[in-house]
Amino acid sequence: MASQSHFINVIFTILFLSVDVFSPSRVSASKALIAKVCGDDAILDHDFCLKALSNAQANAAKSVNQLVDVAMKEAVAKAHTTLKVIVEMMKKPSSPATLEALKTCQNVYKNSIRSFGMISDELSEDAMSANYDVSLIGPDAETCIKALAAASVNAPEIANGNHDLQYFSSLGHGMTAKMN
């Protein structure tokens, strides 16, 4: 049932894009670029791609490099938000195991923010390195996920942040995959 639902979402997205993006009254190079990038086979989650690139900066982009820059800036902003949650949780009284898990997550998010922030610059120098580096961020989120689970920490905001790290890592990897 889930795959049928996903199939219907993909079909709806394609129909929406074909009507909205390619209609004569609304042809936009940026929207067409977004549709092309998000529709590529290298992008694992087309819906997330469309959502992540549905902002004014993405609509103003003239190249895939500019779209990567927009996506990575969005990733940094989301990671900063989750890092703030982690820091606030660390200020509250908690068990040593919880504090250790939060420190692990704090390190993951600091590294992710730094890595997402470097991708755009790295892309102009060496697309293959940018592709590799962005792909490492998603698995790093697993470190935080496992640390929280081991300490039995229930933190929905951090869990959502971990999903965002994984999705943006996958998105960045997919967007930079064919730029080599």
N, C-alpha and C. Protein backbone atom coordinates (compact mmCIF):
# COMPACT_ATOMS: atom_id res chain seq x y z
N MET A 1 0.82 -1.19 0.00
CA MET A 1 0.00 0.00 0.00
C MET A 1 0.87 1.26 0.00
N ALA A 2 1.97 1.20 0.77
CA ALA A 2 2.84 2.37 0.83
C ALA A 2 3.48 2.66 -0.52
N SER A 3 3.84 1.61 -1.27
CA SER A 3 4.46 1.86 -2.56
C SER A 3 3.44 2.41 -3.55
N GLN A 4 2.19 1.98 -3.44
CA GLN A 4 1.14 2.52 -4.30
C GLN A 4 0.93 3.99 -3.98
N SER A 5 0.95 4.32 -2.70
CA SER A 5 0.80 5.72 -2.28
C SER A 5 1.97 6.56 -2.79
N HIS A 6 3.18 6.02 -2.69
CA HIS A 6 4.36 6.73 -3.19
C HIS A 6 4.26 6.93 -4.70
N PHE A 7 3.83 5.90 -5.41
CA PHE A 7 3.67 5.96 -6.86
C PHE A 7 2.69 7.07 -7.23
N ILE A 8 1.56 7.13 -6.51
CA ILE A 8 0.55 8.16 -6.78
C ILE A 8 1.14 9.54 -6.52
N ASN A 9 1.94 9.70 -5.44
CA ASN A 9 2.58 10.99 -5.16
C ASN A 9 3.54 11.39 -6.27
N VAL A 10 4.31 10.43 -6.78
CA VAL A 10 5.24 10.73 -7.87
C VAL A 10 4.48 11.16 -9.12
N ILE A 11 3.43 10.44 -9.46
CA ILE A 11 2.62 10.79 -10.64
C ILE A 11 2.01 12.18 -10.47
N PHE A 12 1.47 12.44 -9.27
CA PHE A 12 0.88 13.75 -9.02
C PHE A 12 1.94 14.85 -9.15
N THR A 13 3.13 14.60 -8.62
CA THR A 13 4.20 15.58 -8.71
C THR A 13 4.57 15.84 -10.17
N ILE A 14 4.69 14.79 -10.95
CA ILE A 14 5.02 14.95 -12.36
C ILE A 14 3.94 15.74 -13.09
N LEU A 15 2.68 15.39 -12.82
CA LEU A 15 1.58 16.13 -13.45
C LEU A 15 1.59 17.59 -13.03
N PHE A 16 1.80 17.84 -11.73
CA PHE A 16 1.83 19.20 -11.23
C PHE A 16 2.95 19.98 -11.92
N LEU A 17 4.13 19.37 -11.99
CA LEU A 17 5.25 20.06 -12.61
C LEU A 17 5.00 20.32 -14.09
N SER A 18 4.41 19.36 -14.76
CA SER A 18 4.18 19.56 -16.19
C SER A 18 3.16 20.65 -16.43
N VAL A 19 2.18 20.78 -15.56
CA VAL A 19 1.18 21.83 -15.72
C VAL A 19 1.73 23.16 -15.24
N ASP A 20 2.35 23.16 -14.04
CA ASP A 20 2.80 24.41 -13.44
C ASP A 20 4.09 24.94 -14.07
N VAL A 21 5.08 24.08 -14.19
CA VAL A 21 6.39 24.54 -14.64
C VAL A 21 6.43 24.79 -16.13
N PHE A 22 5.78 23.94 -16.90
CA PHE A 22 5.92 24.05 -18.34
C PHE A 22 4.74 24.72 -19.03
N SER A 23 3.81 25.27 -18.27
CA SER A 23 2.71 25.97 -18.91
C SER A 23 3.24 27.25 -19.56
N PRO A 24 2.73 27.60 -20.72
CA PRO A 24 3.26 28.75 -21.45
C PRO A 24 3.23 30.05 -20.66
N SER A 25 2.24 30.21 -19.79
CA SER A 25 2.15 31.47 -19.06
C SER A 25 3.11 31.53 -17.88
N ARG A 26 3.69 30.39 -17.49
CA ARG A 26 4.54 30.39 -16.30
C ARG A 26 5.90 29.75 -16.54
N VAL A 27 6.35 29.74 -17.77
CA VAL A 27 7.64 29.13 -18.02
C VAL A 27 8.72 29.95 -17.31
N SER A 28 9.49 29.27 -16.51
CA SER A 28 10.56 29.90 -15.75
C SER A 28 11.78 29.01 -15.84
N ALA A 29 12.88 29.57 -16.23
CA ALA A 29 14.10 28.77 -16.33
C ALA A 29 14.44 28.15 -14.99
N SER A 30 14.26 28.89 -13.90
CA SER A 30 14.59 28.36 -12.59
C SER A 30 13.66 27.23 -12.17
N LYS A 31 12.38 27.38 -12.42
CA LYS A 31 11.45 26.30 -12.07
C LYS A 31 11.71 25.07 -12.92
N ALA A 32 12.05 25.28 -14.17
CA ALA A 32 12.38 24.15 -15.03
C ALA A 32 13.66 23.48 -14.54
N LEU A 33 14.62 24.27 -14.09
CA LEU A 33 15.86 23.73 -13.56
C LEU A 33 15.60 22.92 -12.30
N ILE A 34 14.77 23.45 -11.41
CA ILE A 34 14.41 22.74 -10.19
C ILE A 34 13.72 21.41 -10.53
N ALA A 35 12.79 21.47 -11.46
CA ALA A 35 12.07 20.26 -11.87
C ALA A 35 13.04 19.23 -12.45
N LYS A 36 13.97 19.70 -13.26
CA LYS A 36 14.95 18.80 -13.86
C LYS A 36 15.84 18.16 -12.79
N VAL A 37 16.34 18.98 -11.87
CA VAL A 37 17.21 18.48 -10.81
C VAL A 37 16.46 17.50 -9.91
N CYS A 38 15.27 17.89 -9.47
CA CYS A 38 14.50 17.04 -8.55
C CYS A 38 13.96 15.79 -9.23
N GLY A 39 13.82 15.81 -10.53
CA GLY A 39 13.33 14.65 -11.25
C GLY A 39 14.43 13.68 -11.65
N ASP A 40 15.68 14.04 -11.41
CA ASP A 40 16.81 13.19 -11.79
C ASP A 40 16.82 11.91 -10.97
N ASP A 41 17.25 10.83 -11.58
CA ASP A 41 17.33 9.53 -10.90
C ASP A 41 18.28 9.55 -9.70
N ALA A 42 19.26 10.44 -9.70
CA ALA A 42 20.21 10.51 -8.59
C ALA A 42 19.57 11.06 -7.32
N ILE A 43 18.43 11.72 -7.45
CA ILE A 43 17.71 12.26 -6.29
C ILE A 43 16.79 11.17 -5.78
N LEU A 44 17.05 10.71 -4.56
CA LEU A 44 16.29 9.59 -4.01
C LEU A 44 14.91 10.00 -3.51
N ASP A 45 14.78 11.22 -3.02
CA ASP A 45 13.50 11.68 -2.48
C ASP A 45 13.07 12.93 -3.24
N HIS A 46 12.30 12.71 -4.30
CA HIS A 46 11.89 13.81 -5.18
C HIS A 46 11.02 14.83 -4.44
N ASP A 47 10.13 14.35 -3.57
CA ASP A 47 9.26 15.26 -2.83
C ASP A 47 10.06 16.16 -1.90
N PHE A 48 11.05 15.60 -1.21
CA PHE A 48 11.89 16.40 -0.32
C PHE A 48 12.65 17.44 -1.13
N CYS A 49 13.16 17.04 -2.28
CA CYS A 49 13.90 17.97 -3.15
C CYS A 49 13.02 19.16 -3.53
N LEU A 50 11.81 18.87 -3.98
CA LEU A 50 10.90 19.95 -4.37
C LEU A 50 10.58 20.87 -3.20
N LYS A 51 10.38 20.27 -2.02
CA LYS A 51 10.09 21.07 -0.83
C LYS A 51 11.30 21.92 -0.44
N ALA A 52 12.48 21.31 -0.45
CA ALA A 52 13.70 22.03 -0.05
C ALA A 52 14.04 23.16 -1.01
N LEU A 53 13.63 23.03 -2.27
CA LEU A 53 13.95 24.05 -3.27
C LEU A 53 12.74 24.91 -3.63
N SER A 54 11.80 24.99 -2.71
CA SER A 54 10.61 25.81 -2.97
C SER A 54 10.71 27.12 -2.19
N ASN A 55 11.71 27.91 -2.55
CA ASN A 55 11.87 29.21 -1.90
C ASN A 55 12.38 30.21 -2.94
N ALA A 56 12.40 31.45 -2.56
CA ALA A 56 12.76 32.53 -3.49
C ALA A 56 14.19 32.38 -4.02
N GLN A 57 15.11 31.95 -3.13
CA GLN A 57 16.50 31.81 -3.56
C GLN A 57 16.62 30.73 -4.64
N ALA A 58 15.95 29.61 -4.44
CA ALA A 58 16.00 28.53 -5.43
C ALA A 58 15.34 28.97 -6.73
N ASN A 59 14.25 29.70 -6.63
CA ASN A 59 13.56 30.17 -7.84
C ASN A 59 14.38 31.17 -8.62
N ALA A 60 15.34 31.80 -7.96
CA ALA A 60 16.21 32.77 -8.64
C ALA A 60 17.47 32.12 -9.20
N ALA A 61 17.70 30.86 -8.87
CA ALA A 61 18.92 30.16 -9.30
C ALA A 61 18.95 29.99 -10.82
N LYS A 62 20.13 30.15 -11.36
CA LYS A 62 20.32 30.02 -12.81
C LYS A 62 21.13 28.78 -13.19
N SER A 63 21.65 28.06 -12.18
CA SER A 63 22.48 26.88 -12.46
C SER A 63 22.32 25.86 -11.34
N VAL A 64 22.77 24.66 -11.61
CA VAL A 64 22.74 23.62 -10.59
C VAL A 64 23.65 24.02 -9.43
N ASN A 65 24.79 24.64 -9.72
CA ASN A 65 25.68 25.10 -8.65
C ASN A 65 24.95 26.03 -7.69
N GLN A 66 24.16 26.94 -8.24
CA GLN A 66 23.41 27.86 -7.38
C GLN A 66 22.34 27.12 -6.58
N LEU A 67 21.72 26.11 -7.18
CA LEU A 67 20.74 25.30 -6.44
C LEU A 67 21.41 24.52 -5.31
N VAL A 68 22.59 23.99 -5.57
CA VAL A 68 23.33 23.29 -4.52
C VAL A 68 23.61 24.27 -3.38
N ASP A 69 24.02 25.47 -3.72
CA ASP A 69 24.31 26.49 -2.71
C ASP A 69 23.07 26.77 -1.86
N VAL A 70 21.92 26.92 -2.50
CA VAL A 70 20.66 27.17 -1.78
C VAL A 70 20.35 26.01 -0.86
N ALA A 71 20.45 24.79 -1.36
CA ALA A 71 20.14 23.61 -0.56
C ALA A 71 21.09 23.49 0.63
N MET A 72 22.36 23.74 0.42
CA MET A 72 23.34 23.61 1.51
C MET A 72 23.13 24.69 2.57
N LYS A 73 22.74 25.90 2.14
CA LYS A 73 22.44 26.96 3.11
C LYS A 73 21.21 26.59 3.94
N GLU A 74 20.22 25.99 3.31
CA GLU A 74 19.03 25.52 4.03
C GLU A 74 19.42 24.43 5.02
N ALA A 75 20.31 23.53 4.60
CA ALA A 75 20.78 22.46 5.48
C ALA A 75 21.50 23.04 6.70
N VAL A 76 22.34 24.03 6.47
CA VAL A 76 23.06 24.68 7.58
C VAL A 76 22.06 25.32 8.55
N ALA A 77 21.07 26.01 8.02
CA ALA A 77 20.08 26.67 8.88
C ALA A 77 19.33 25.65 9.73
N LYS A 78 18.91 24.55 9.12
CA LYS A 78 18.19 23.52 9.87
C LYS A 78 19.10 22.86 10.91
N ALA A 79 20.34 22.62 10.55
CA ALA A 79 21.28 22.02 11.50
C ALA A 79 21.55 22.96 12.67
N HIS A 80 21.65 24.26 12.40
CA HIS A 80 21.83 25.24 13.48
C HIS A 80 20.65 25.20 14.45
N THR A 81 19.46 25.10 13.91
CA THR A 81 18.26 25.05 14.74
C THR A 81 18.30 23.83 15.66
N THR A 82 18.67 22.68 15.12
CA THR A 82 18.75 21.46 15.93
C THR A 82 19.89 21.56 16.94
N LEU A 83 21.01 22.14 16.55
CA LEU A 83 22.13 22.31 17.47
C LEU A 83 21.70 23.16 18.67
N LYS A 84 20.92 24.20 18.44
CA LYS A 84 20.42 25.03 19.54
C LYS A 84 19.57 24.21 20.50
N VAL A 85 18.75 23.30 19.97
CA VAL A 85 17.92 22.43 20.81
C VAL A 85 18.83 21.54 21.66
N ILE A 86 19.86 20.99 21.04
CA ILE A 86 20.79 20.11 21.77
C ILE A 86 21.47 20.88 22.89
N VAL A 87 21.96 22.07 22.60
CA VAL A 87 22.65 22.89 23.61
C VAL A 87 21.70 23.21 24.78
N GLU A 88 20.46 23.55 24.46
CA GLU A 88 19.48 23.84 25.52
C GLU A 88 19.21 22.60 26.38
N MET A 89 19.12 21.44 25.74
CA MET A 89 18.89 20.20 26.49
C MET A 89 20.08 19.88 27.39
N MET A 90 21.29 20.23 26.95
CA MET A 90 22.49 19.96 27.75
C MET A 90 22.53 20.82 29.00
N LYS A 91 21.84 21.93 29.00
CA LYS A 91 21.81 22.82 30.16
C LYS A 91 20.89 22.30 31.27
N LYS A 92 20.00 21.41 30.93
CA LYS A 92 19.05 20.87 31.89
C LYS A 92 19.67 19.68 32.63
N PRO A 93 19.26 19.52 33.88
CA PRO A 93 19.77 18.36 34.63
C PRO A 93 19.39 17.06 33.91
N SER A 94 20.37 16.18 33.76
CA SER A 94 20.12 14.91 33.08
C SER A 94 21.15 13.88 33.53
N SER A 95 20.90 12.64 33.16
CA SER A 95 21.82 11.56 33.53
C SER A 95 23.13 11.69 32.75
N PRO A 96 24.19 11.07 33.27
CA PRO A 96 25.46 11.09 32.53
C PRO A 96 25.33 10.49 31.13
N ALA A 97 24.52 9.44 30.99
CA ALA A 97 24.34 8.81 29.67
C ALA A 97 23.65 9.77 28.71
N THR A 98 22.65 10.48 29.20
CA THR A 98 21.95 11.46 28.36
C THR A 98 22.89 12.58 27.94
N LEU A 99 23.67 13.07 28.90
CA LEU A 99 24.61 14.15 28.60
C LEU A 99 25.65 13.69 27.57
N GLU A 100 26.12 12.47 27.71
CA GLU A 100 27.10 11.93 26.75
C GLU A 100 26.48 11.81 25.35
N ALA A 101 25.24 11.35 25.28
CA ALA A 101 24.55 11.24 23.99
C ALA A 101 24.39 12.62 23.35
N LEU A 102 24.01 13.60 24.16
CA LEU A 102 23.84 14.96 23.64
C LEU A 102 25.16 15.55 23.17
N LYS A 103 26.25 15.25 23.88
CA LYS A 103 27.58 15.72 23.44
C LYS A 103 27.94 15.09 22.10
N THR A 104 27.61 13.82 21.94
CA THR A 104 27.86 13.15 20.67
C THR A 104 27.08 13.84 19.55
N CYS A 105 25.82 14.11 19.81
CA CYS A 105 24.98 14.79 18.80
C CYS A 105 25.49 16.20 18.53
N GLN A 106 25.93 16.88 19.57
CA GLN A 106 26.46 18.22 19.40
C GLN A 106 27.66 18.19 18.43
N ASN A 107 28.54 17.23 18.61
CA ASN A 107 29.70 17.10 17.71
C ASN A 107 29.26 16.80 16.28
N VAL A 108 28.28 15.90 16.14
CA VAL A 108 27.75 15.57 14.81
C VAL A 108 27.23 16.83 14.12
N TYR A 109 26.46 17.63 14.86
CA TYR A 109 25.86 18.82 14.25
C TYR A 109 26.89 19.90 13.96
N LYS A 110 27.86 20.07 14.82
CA LYS A 110 28.92 21.04 14.53
C LYS A 110 29.67 20.65 13.26
N ASN A 111 30.00 19.36 13.15
CA ASN A 111 30.70 18.88 11.95
C ASN A 111 29.83 18.99 10.71
N SER A 112 28.55 18.70 10.85
CA SER A 112 27.63 18.78 9.71
C SER A 112 27.48 20.21 9.21
N ILE A 113 27.36 21.14 10.14
CA ILE A 113 27.26 22.56 9.77
C ILE A 113 28.51 22.98 9.00
N ARG A 114 29.66 22.60 9.51
CA ARG A 114 30.92 22.93 8.83
C ARG A 114 30.97 22.28 7.44
N SER A 115 30.59 21.01 7.37
CA SER A 115 30.64 20.29 6.08
C SER A 115 29.66 20.86 5.07
N PHE A 116 28.39 21.05 5.48
CA PHE A 116 27.42 21.63 4.55
C PHE A 116 27.88 23.00 4.08
N GLY A 117 28.49 23.77 4.97
CA GLY A 117 28.95 25.10 4.62
C GLY A 117 30.09 25.11 3.62
N MET A 118 30.88 24.03 3.57
CA MET A 118 32.03 23.96 2.67
C MET A 118 31.68 23.45 1.27
N ILE A 119 30.54 22.82 1.13
CA ILE A 119 30.21 22.15 -0.13
C ILE A 119 30.19 23.11 -1.32
N SER A 120 29.59 24.26 -1.17
CA SER A 120 29.50 25.19 -2.30
C SER A 120 30.87 25.63 -2.78
N ASP A 121 31.76 25.99 -1.85
CA ASP A 121 33.11 26.39 -2.24
C ASP A 121 33.87 25.23 -2.85
N GLU A 122 33.72 24.08 -2.23
CA GLU A 122 34.42 22.89 -2.72
C GLU A 122 33.93 22.49 -4.11
N LEU A 123 32.66 22.72 -4.37
CA LEU A 123 32.06 22.36 -5.65
C LEU A 123 32.74 23.07 -6.81
N SER A 124 33.11 24.33 -6.60
CA SER A 124 33.75 25.08 -7.68
C SER A 124 35.18 24.60 -7.94
N GLU A 125 35.80 23.97 -6.93
CA GLU A 125 37.17 23.50 -7.09
C GLU A 125 37.24 22.03 -7.52
N ASP A 126 36.39 21.20 -6.90
CA ASP A 126 36.47 19.76 -7.16
C ASP A 126 35.12 19.13 -6.85
N ALA A 127 34.31 18.97 -7.88
CA ALA A 127 32.95 18.45 -7.70
C ALA A 127 32.95 17.04 -7.12
N MET A 128 33.94 16.25 -7.47
CA MET A 128 33.98 14.89 -6.96
C MET A 128 34.20 14.88 -5.44
N SER A 129 35.05 15.73 -4.95
CA SER A 129 35.28 15.84 -3.50
C SER A 129 34.04 16.36 -2.80
N ALA A 130 33.38 17.34 -3.39
CA ALA A 130 32.15 17.87 -2.80
C ALA A 130 31.09 16.77 -2.72
N ASN A 131 30.99 15.99 -3.78
CA ASN A 131 30.03 14.89 -3.80
C ASN A 131 30.33 13.88 -2.71
N TYR A 132 31.58 13.53 -2.55
CA TYR A 132 31.98 12.56 -1.52
C TYR A 132 31.73 13.13 -0.13
N ASP A 133 32.15 14.36 0.10
CA ASP A 133 32.03 14.96 1.43
C ASP A 133 30.58 15.11 1.87
N VAL A 134 29.71 15.52 0.96
CA VAL A 134 28.31 15.70 1.34
C VAL A 134 27.66 14.34 1.62
N SER A 135 28.14 13.31 0.96
CA SER A 135 27.57 11.98 1.19
C SER A 135 27.92 11.43 2.57
N LEU A 136 28.95 11.95 3.22
CA LEU A 136 29.36 11.47 4.53
C LEU A 136 28.50 12.03 5.67
N ILE A 137 27.78 13.09 5.41
CA ILE A 137 26.99 13.74 6.47
C ILE A 137 25.83 12.86 6.92
N GLY A 138 25.16 12.22 5.98
CA GLY A 138 24.02 11.36 6.33
C GLY A 138 24.40 10.25 7.29
N PRO A 139 25.45 9.49 6.98
CA PRO A 139 25.87 8.44 7.92
C PRO A 139 26.30 9.00 9.29
N ASP A 140 26.84 10.22 9.32
CA ASP A 140 27.19 10.83 10.61
C ASP A 140 25.96 11.01 11.49
N ALA A 141 24.81 11.28 10.87
CA ALA A 141 23.57 11.42 11.64
C ALA A 141 23.27 10.13 12.39
N GLU A 142 23.66 9.00 11.81
CA GLU A 142 23.46 7.70 12.47
C GLU A 142 24.17 7.65 13.81
N THR A 143 25.30 8.31 13.93
CA THR A 143 26.04 8.35 15.18
C THR A 143 25.19 8.99 16.28
N CYS A 144 24.53 10.07 15.94
CA CYS A 144 23.65 10.75 16.89
C CYS A 144 22.44 9.87 17.20
N ILE A 145 21.86 9.28 16.18
CA ILE A 145 20.68 8.42 16.37
C ILE A 145 21.01 7.28 17.33
N LYS A 146 22.14 6.63 17.11
CA LYS A 146 22.54 5.50 17.96
C LYS A 146 22.85 5.94 19.38
N ALA A 147 23.48 7.10 19.53
CA ALA A 147 23.80 7.60 20.87
C ALA A 147 22.53 7.90 21.65
N LEU A 148 21.55 8.52 21.00
CA LEU A 148 20.28 8.82 21.67
C LEU A 148 19.56 7.53 22.05
N ALA A 149 19.57 6.56 21.16
CA ALA A 149 18.90 5.28 21.43
C ALA A 149 19.58 4.55 22.59
N ALA A 150 20.90 4.53 22.62
CA ALA A 150 21.64 3.84 23.68
C ALA A 150 21.37 4.46 25.05
N ALA A 151 21.14 5.78 25.07
CA ALA A 151 20.86 6.47 26.34
C ALA A 151 19.36 6.58 26.61
N SER A 152 18.54 5.99 25.74
CA SER A 152 17.07 6.04 25.86
C SER A 152 16.56 7.48 25.93
N VAL A 153 17.11 8.32 25.09
CA VAL A 153 16.70 9.72 25.04
C VAL A 153 15.63 9.87 23.97
N ASN A 154 14.49 10.38 24.38
CA ASN A 154 13.40 10.65 23.45
C ASN A 154 13.40 12.15 23.17
N ALA A 155 13.88 12.53 22.00
CA ALA A 155 13.98 13.94 21.64
C ALA A 155 13.50 14.11 20.20
N PRO A 156 12.19 14.32 20.02
CA PRO A 156 11.63 14.41 18.66
C PRO A 156 12.28 15.50 17.80
N GLU A 157 12.64 16.63 18.40
CA GLU A 157 13.25 17.69 17.59
C GLU A 157 14.62 17.27 17.05
N ILE A 158 15.36 16.52 17.86
CA ILE A 158 16.66 16.04 17.39
C ILE A 158 16.44 14.94 16.36
N ALA A 159 15.45 14.09 16.58
CA ALA A 159 15.14 13.03 15.60
C ALA A 159 14.78 13.66 14.25
N ASN A 160 13.99 14.71 14.27
CA ASN A 160 13.65 15.41 13.02
C ASN A 160 14.90 16.02 12.40
N GLY A 161 15.77 16.59 13.22
CA GLY A 161 17.02 17.15 12.72
C GLY A 161 17.90 16.09 12.09
N ASN A 162 17.92 14.89 12.70
CA ASN A 162 18.71 13.79 12.12
C ASN A 162 18.17 13.39 10.76
N HIS A 163 16.85 13.35 10.63
CA HIS A 163 16.26 13.07 9.32
C HIS A 163 16.64 14.15 8.31
N ASP A 164 16.60 15.40 8.75
CA ASP A 164 16.99 16.50 7.85
C ASP A 164 18.44 16.34 7.40
N LEU A 165 19.34 16.00 8.34
CA LEU A 165 20.74 15.79 7.95
C LEU A 165 20.84 14.71 6.88
N GLN A 166 20.13 13.62 7.09
CA GLN A 166 20.17 12.52 6.12
C GLN A 166 19.59 12.94 4.78
N TYR A 167 18.46 13.63 4.80
CA TYR A 167 17.82 14.05 3.55
C TYR A 167 18.67 15.07 2.79
N PHE A 168 19.20 16.06 3.51
CA PHE A 168 20.01 17.07 2.82
C PHE A 168 21.32 16.47 2.32
N SER A 169 21.88 15.52 3.07
CA SER A 169 23.07 14.84 2.59
C SER A 169 22.77 14.09 1.30
N SER A 170 21.67 13.36 1.29
CA SER A 170 21.26 12.63 0.10
C SER A 170 20.98 13.58 -1.06
N LEU A 171 20.29 14.68 -0.76
CA LEU A 171 19.99 15.67 -1.79
C LEU A 171 21.27 16.27 -2.37
N GLY A 172 22.19 16.69 -1.50
CA GLY A 172 23.45 17.25 -1.97
C GLY A 172 24.25 16.24 -2.78
N HIS A 173 24.24 15.00 -2.34
CA HIS A 173 24.94 13.94 -3.07
C HIS A 173 24.33 13.76 -4.45
N GLY A 174 23.00 13.70 -4.50
CA GLY A 174 22.33 13.53 -5.78
C GLY A 174 22.54 14.71 -6.72
N MET A 175 22.53 15.91 -6.16
CA MET A 175 22.68 17.11 -6.99
C MET A 175 24.11 17.23 -7.55
N THR A 176 25.08 16.77 -6.78
CA THR A 176 26.48 16.92 -7.23
C THR A 176 26.98 15.69 -7.98
N ALA A 177 26.20 14.62 -8.02
CA ALA A 177 26.66 13.35 -8.60
C ALA A 177 27.06 13.46 -10.06
N LYS A 178 26.36 14.24 -10.82
CA LYS A 178 26.64 14.32 -12.26
C LYS A 178 27.45 15.53 -12.66
N MET A 179 28.00 16.20 -11.66
CA MET A 179 28.78 17.39 -11.95
C MET A 179 30.26 17.08 -12.12
N ASN A 180 30.63 15.83 -11.94
CA ASN A 180 32.05 15.44 -12.03
C ASN A 180 32.56 15.51 -13.45
